[in-house]
Amino acid sequence: MHLSPTELVGQNGLPKRTLVIEVQDGQYKKSQPFVLLKERAEKCSATVGSRVTVHWDYQGREWNGKWFADAVAWKIEVQGQAGSVQQAQPAPYSDNELDADSVPF
C-alpha cells in the first residue's frame, strides 16, 4: 500500500491524496489507485502495511474533449497491519475458477 502526501489542487485548493493498494492475483501483483478528496484526504489513517477495505465509486468528467475517470474512495476501513492475525476473508473472485458451463448468463 502507498499513500501520497496531501496536495492542494485546482483554483479552490481542493485537498487530494492517492491511495494505491496491491492485491496478489496468482503469481502477479495488481495495483489499484484510489483518489481521496476533501476531508477523506485529510482524515485517512491508513499507513504503509495496513490491511484496508476501500468503498469507492467511479467518477468521470470531460475536459477539452477528453474524458478522465477516477476510482474515488468514499470510505476506508483499516483492518490491521499486514502479518497480524485476521479473520479469514473470502477469496477474491477469479474468472479462472469458472468454465463455460458454469457461467450464470
Protein backbone atom coordinates (compact mmCIF):
# COMPACT_ATOMS: atom_id res chain seq x y z
CA MET A 1 0.00 0.00 0.00
CA HIS A 2 1.14 3.53 -0.76
CA LEU A 3 -0.48 6.77 0.40
CA SER A 4 0.70 10.00 -1.20
CA PRO A 5 1.04 13.24 0.77
CA THR A 6 -1.93 15.62 0.65
CA GLU A 7 -1.74 18.09 -2.22
CA LEU A 8 -3.97 21.08 -2.93
CA VAL A 9 -5.32 21.07 -6.48
CA GLY A 10 -7.42 23.44 -8.57
CA GLN A 11 -8.27 27.10 -8.05
CA ASN A 12 -10.01 26.41 -4.73
CA GLY A 13 -7.20 24.33 -3.21
CA LEU A 14 -9.08 21.01 -3.04
CA PRO A 15 -7.21 18.54 -0.76
CA LYS A 16 -6.36 15.35 -2.70
CA ARG A 17 -4.37 12.18 -1.97
CA THR A 18 -3.83 8.95 -3.84
CA LEU A 19 -4.09 5.58 -2.10
CA VAL A 20 -2.59 2.68 -4.05
CA ILE A 21 -3.32 -0.85 -2.89
CA GLU A 22 -1.68 -4.00 -4.18
CA VAL A 23 -3.55 -7.29 -4.49
CA GLN A 24 -1.89 -10.62 -5.21
CA ASP A 25 -3.64 -12.30 -8.15
CA GLY A 26 -1.97 -15.66 -8.68
CA GLN A 27 1.70 -15.01 -9.32
CA TYR A 28 1.22 -11.34 -10.26
CA LYS A 29 0.58 -8.26 -8.14
CA LYS A 30 -2.09 -5.86 -9.32
CA SER A 31 -2.06 -2.23 -8.23
CA GLN A 32 -5.21 -0.11 -7.96
CA PRO A 33 -5.07 3.64 -7.28
CA PHE A 34 -7.93 5.37 -5.46
CA VAL A 35 -8.42 9.12 -5.13
CA LEU A 36 -9.23 10.61 -1.72
CA LEU A 37 -10.82 14.08 -1.81
CA LYS A 38 -11.63 16.79 0.73
CA GLU A 39 -11.98 15.59 4.35
CA ARG A 40 -11.29 11.98 3.33
CA ALA A 41 -7.82 13.02 2.18
CA GLU A 42 -7.10 14.74 5.47
CA LYS A 43 -8.57 12.07 7.79
CA CYS A 44 -7.20 8.88 6.21
CA SER A 45 -5.48 6.90 8.99
CA ALA A 46 -4.09 4.08 6.85
CA THR A 47 -0.35 3.55 6.94
CA VAL A 48 2.00 1.51 4.79
CA GLY A 49 1.45 -2.13 5.64
CA SER A 50 -2.17 -1.65 6.76
CA ARG A 51 -4.85 -4.01 5.52
CA VAL A 52 -7.75 -1.90 4.28
CA THR A 53 -11.21 -2.25 2.81
CA VAL A 54 -11.99 0.51 0.30
CA HIS A 55 -15.52 1.55 -0.62
CA TRP A 56 -15.45 3.52 -3.86
CA ASP A 57 -17.24 4.75 -6.97
CA TYR A 58 -16.08 5.61 -10.46
CA GLN A 59 -16.33 9.27 -11.36
CA GLY A 60 -15.78 10.56 -14.87
CA ARG A 61 -15.54 14.02 -16.35
CA GLU A 62 -14.91 15.68 -19.69
CA TRP A 63 -12.32 18.41 -20.19
CA ASN A 64 -11.46 19.92 -23.58
CA GLY A 65 -12.93 16.98 -25.47
CA LYS A 66 -11.07 14.35 -23.42
CA TRP A 67 -12.58 12.06 -20.82
CA PHE A 68 -10.99 11.24 -17.49
CA ALA A 69 -12.09 8.68 -14.90
CA ASP A 70 -11.05 8.07 -11.29
CA ALA A 71 -11.85 5.46 -8.68
CA VAL A 72 -12.87 7.80 -5.85
CA ALA A 73 -12.81 6.32 -2.35
CA TRP A 74 -15.65 7.43 -0.08
CA LYS A 75 -14.84 5.16 2.88
CA ILE A 76 -11.67 3.40 4.02
CA GLU A 77 -11.74 0.85 6.83
CA VAL A 78 -8.38 -0.03 8.35
CA GLN A 79 -8.45 -3.76 9.20
CA GLY A 80 -5.00 -4.05 10.79
CA GLN A 81 -1.33 -4.38 9.92
CA ALA A 82 -0.04 -6.85 7.35
CA GLY A 83 1.03 -10.02 9.09
CA SER A 84 -1.34 -9.54 12.02
CA VAL A 85 -3.90 -12.21 12.85
CA GLN A 86 -7.02 -11.63 10.77
CA GLN A 87 -10.30 -13.45 10.43
CA ALA A 88 -10.45 -15.49 7.26
CA GLN A 89 -11.53 -13.35 4.33
CA PRO A 90 -13.34 -14.80 1.33
CA ALA A 91 -11.07 -15.36 -1.64
CA PRO A 92 -11.36 -12.67 -4.32
CA TYR A 93 -13.29 -13.61 -7.44
CA SER A 94 -11.16 -15.02 -10.22
CA ASP A 95 -12.55 -15.67 -13.67
CA ASN A 96 -10.15 -18.63 -13.88
CA GLU A 97 -12.44 -20.51 -11.49
CA LEU A 98 -15.37 -20.61 -13.92
CA ASP A 99 -15.68 -22.72 -17.00
CA ALA A 100 -18.09 -22.09 -19.88
CA ASP A 101 -20.73 -24.41 -18.40
CA SER A 102 -20.91 -22.63 -15.04
CA VAL A 103 -21.38 -19.06 -16.28
CA PRO A 104 -24.78 -17.87 -14.98
CA PHE A 105 -25.76 -15.95 -18.13
